[in-house]
Amino acid sequence: MERADMPDPTDLRRMPPGADGKTGYCQPGGMVAELSDAIENQLIESGAVVLGLVRAMLDGPQLTADESWFMLRRTAECLRDALNVAELRGERLAAADN
């Protein structure tokens, strides 16, 4: 790809971090952007499922220390993911306003 064919970096869309914690970029509107949308939706759906499970656990009998730590870890992971999705979507909304 020639330099003139390279997209303007400010036009790229930031994607959710991968398992390694690194963030990638893609062009908006393409197949990779659609995959990124699907990943964001899965992260939000996973958070909703975990929230339902956590609420059920809190309404049940006393939790063991291991159960409490597991629940807290999963809740923190889902919160991190939801905040990442909110930040990414906020960036896209701000770019659309410009």
C-alpha atoms as a PDB file:
ATOM      1  CA  MET A   1       0.000   0.000   0.000  1.00  0.00           C
ATOM      2  CA  GLU A   2       1.434   3.329  -1.008  1.00  0.00           C
ATOM      3  CA  ARG A   3       1.666   6.068   1.561  1.00  0.00           C
ATOM      4  CA  ALA A   4      -0.970   8.100  -0.311  1.00  0.00           C
ATOM      5  CA  ASP A   5      -3.372   5.140   0.070  1.00  0.00           C
ATOM      6  CA  MET A   6      -2.881   4.952   3.831  1.00  0.00           C
ATOM      7  CA  PRO A   7      -5.907   6.089   5.854  1.00  0.00           C
ATOM      8  CA  ASP A   8      -5.616   9.161   8.033  1.00  0.00           C
ATOM      9  CA  PRO A   9      -4.944   7.808  11.573  1.00  0.00           C
ATOM     10  CA  THR A  10      -7.528  10.216  12.979  1.00  0.00           C
ATOM     11  CA  ASP A  11     -10.175   8.458  10.851  1.00  0.00           C
ATOM     12  CA  LEU A  12      -9.479   5.038  12.367  1.00  0.00           C
ATOM     13  CA  ARG A  13     -11.726   3.411  14.914  1.00  0.00           C
ATOM     14  CA  ARG A  14     -10.228   2.055  18.133  1.00  0.00           C
ATOM     15  CA  MET A  15     -11.252  -1.518  18.885  1.00  0.00           C
ATOM     16  CA  PRO A  16     -11.768  -3.264  22.248  1.00  0.00           C
ATOM     17  CA  PRO A  17      -8.515  -4.449  23.852  1.00  0.00           C
ATOM     18  CA  GLY A  18      -7.540  -8.019  23.052  1.00  0.00           C
ATOM     19  CA  ALA A  19      -6.650 -10.742  25.545  1.00  0.00           C
ATOM     20  CA  ASP A  20      -3.115  -9.321  25.621  1.00  0.00           C
ATOM     21  CA  GLY A  21      -4.476  -5.902  26.623  1.00  0.00           C
ATOM     22  CA  LYS A  22      -3.353  -4.262  23.389  1.00  0.00           C
ATOM     23  CA  THR A  23      -5.699  -2.082  21.390  1.00  0.00           C
ATOM     24  CA  GLY A  24      -6.036  -2.289  17.624  1.00  0.00           C
ATOM     25  CA  TYR A  25      -7.514   0.080  15.082  1.00  0.00           C
ATOM     26  CA  CYS A  26      -9.667  -0.460  12.017  1.00  0.00           C
ATOM     27  CA  GLN A  27     -11.440   1.561   9.385  1.00  0.00           C
ATOM     28  CA  PRO A  28     -15.034   2.391  10.299  1.00  0.00           C
ATOM     29  CA  GLY A  29     -17.771   0.629   8.379  1.00  0.00           C
ATOM     30  CA  GLY A  30     -15.835  -2.432   7.267  1.00  0.00           C
ATOM     31  CA  MET A  31     -15.979  -6.098   8.173  1.00  0.00           C
ATOM     32  CA  VAL A  32     -13.512  -5.673  11.044  1.00  0.00           C
ATOM     33  CA  ALA A  33     -15.621  -2.822  12.446  1.00  0.00           C
ATOM     34  CA  GLU A  34     -18.672  -5.114  12.339  1.00  0.00           C
ATOM     35  CA  LEU A  35     -16.710  -7.759  14.237  1.00  0.00           C
ATOM     36  CA  SER A  36     -15.700  -5.113  16.770  1.00  0.00           C
ATOM     37  CA  ASP A  37     -19.371  -4.170  17.219  1.00  0.00           C
ATOM     38  CA  ALA A  38     -20.221  -7.830  17.834  1.00  0.00           C
ATOM     39  CA  ILE A  39     -17.447  -8.141  20.419  1.00  0.00           C
ATOM     40  CA  GLU A  40     -18.651  -5.004  22.218  1.00  0.00           C
ATOM     41  CA  ASN A  41     -22.202  -6.388  22.288  1.00  0.00           C
ATOM     42  CA  GLN A  42     -20.966  -9.722  23.658  1.00  0.00           C
ATOM     43  CA  LEU A  43     -19.063  -7.923  26.418  1.00  0.00           C
ATOM     44  CA  ILE A  44     -22.201  -6.027  27.450  1.00  0.00           C
ATOM     45  CA  GLU A  45     -24.334  -9.204  27.325  1.00  0.00           C
ATOM     46  CA  SER A  46     -21.753 -11.075  29.419  1.00  0.00           C
ATOM     47  CA  GLY A  47     -21.881  -8.310  32.005  1.00  0.00           C
ATOM     48  CA  ALA A  48     -25.671  -8.582  32.184  1.00  0.00           C
ATOM     49  CA  VAL A  49     -25.452 -12.342  32.720  1.00  0.00           C
ATOM     50  CA  VAL A  50     -22.826 -11.976  35.446  1.00  0.00           C
ATOM     51  CA  LEU A  51     -24.909  -9.273  37.141  1.00  0.00           C
ATOM     52  CA  GLY A  52     -27.892 -11.632  37.245  1.00  0.00           C
ATOM     53  CA  LEU A  53     -25.759 -14.403  38.720  1.00  0.00           C
ATOM     54  CA  VAL A  54     -24.198 -12.090  41.292  1.00  0.00           C
ATOM     55  CA  ARG A  55     -27.605 -10.830  42.401  1.00  0.00           C
ATOM     56  CA  ALA A  56     -28.820 -14.417  42.805  1.00  0.00           C
ATOM     57  CA  MET A  57     -25.719 -15.298  44.833  1.00  0.00           C
ATOM     58  CA  LEU A  58     -26.188 -12.269  47.091  1.00  0.00           C
ATOM     59  CA  ASP A  59     -29.829 -13.204  47.706  1.00  0.00           C
ATOM     60  CA  GLY A  60     -28.886 -16.780  48.577  1.00  0.00           C
ATOM     61  CA  PRO A  61     -27.164 -18.332  51.549  1.00  0.00           C
ATOM     62  CA  GLN A  62     -23.878 -16.981  52.950  1.00  0.00           C
ATOM     63  CA  LEU A  63     -21.069 -17.161  50.417  1.00  0.00           C
ATOM     64  CA  THR A  64     -17.762 -18.842  51.089  1.00  0.00           C
ATOM     65  CA  ALA A  65     -14.595 -16.761  50.813  1.00  0.00           C
ATOM     66  CA  ASP A  66     -13.728 -18.486  47.509  1.00  0.00           C
ATOM     67  CA  GLU A  67     -17.195 -17.776  46.098  1.00  0.00           C
ATOM     68  CA  SER A  68     -16.982 -14.145  47.168  1.00  0.00           C
ATOM     69  CA  TRP A  69     -13.558 -13.661  45.578  1.00  0.00           C
ATOM     70  CA  PHE A  70     -14.673 -15.351  42.360  1.00  0.00           C
ATOM     71  CA  MET A  71     -17.785 -13.179  42.212  1.00  0.00           C
ATOM     72  CA  LEU A  72     -15.771 -10.029  42.885  1.00  0.00           C
ATOM     73  CA  ARG A  73     -13.200 -10.879  40.193  1.00  0.00           C
ATOM     74  CA  ARG A  74     -15.844 -11.567  37.537  1.00  0.00           C
ATOM     75  CA  THR A  75     -17.765  -8.425  38.496  1.00  0.00           C
ATOM     76  CA  ALA A  76     -14.583  -6.339  38.212  1.00  0.00           C
ATOM     77  CA  GLU A  77     -13.802  -7.883  34.791  1.00  0.00           C
ATOM     78  CA  CYS A  78     -17.295  -7.075  33.533  1.00  0.00           C
ATOM     79  CA  LEU A  79     -17.127  -3.528  34.887  1.00  0.00           C
ATOM     80  CA  ARG A  80     -13.763  -3.009  33.163  1.00  0.00           C
ATOM     81  CA  ASP A  81     -15.221  -4.329  29.893  1.00  0.00           C
ATOM     82  CA  ALA A  82     -18.342  -2.154  30.153  1.00  0.00           C
ATOM     83  CA  LEU A  83     -16.229   0.943  30.836  1.00  0.00           C
ATOM     84  CA  ASN A  84     -14.030   0.137  27.820  1.00  0.00           C
ATOM     85  CA  VAL A  85     -17.102  -0.231  25.594  1.00  0.00           C
ATOM     86  CA  ALA A  86     -18.545   3.039  26.910  1.00  0.00           C
ATOM     87  CA  GLU A  87     -15.267   4.830  26.209  1.00  0.00           C
ATOM     88  CA  LEU A  88     -15.025   3.401  22.684  1.00  0.00           C
ATOM     89  CA  ARG A  89     -18.622   4.294  21.876  1.00  0.00           C
ATOM     90  CA  GLY A  90     -18.117   7.762  23.337  1.00  0.00           C
ATOM     91  CA  GLU A  91     -15.162   8.283  21.020  1.00  0.00           C
ATOM     92  CA  ARG A  92     -17.300   7.346  18.037  1.00  0.00           C
ATOM     93  CA  LEU A  93     -20.103   9.674  19.133  1.00  0.00           C
ATOM     94  CA  ALA A  94     -17.647  12.544  19.545  1.00  0.00           C
ATOM     95  CA  ALA A  95     -16.169  11.841  16.101  1.00  0.00           C
ATOM     96  CA  ALA A  96     -19.662  11.800  14.575  1.00  0.00           C
ATOM     97  CA  ASP A  97     -20.387  15.225  16.111  1.00  0.00           C
ATOM     98  CA  ASN A  98     -17.321  16.735  14.425  1.00  0.00           C
END
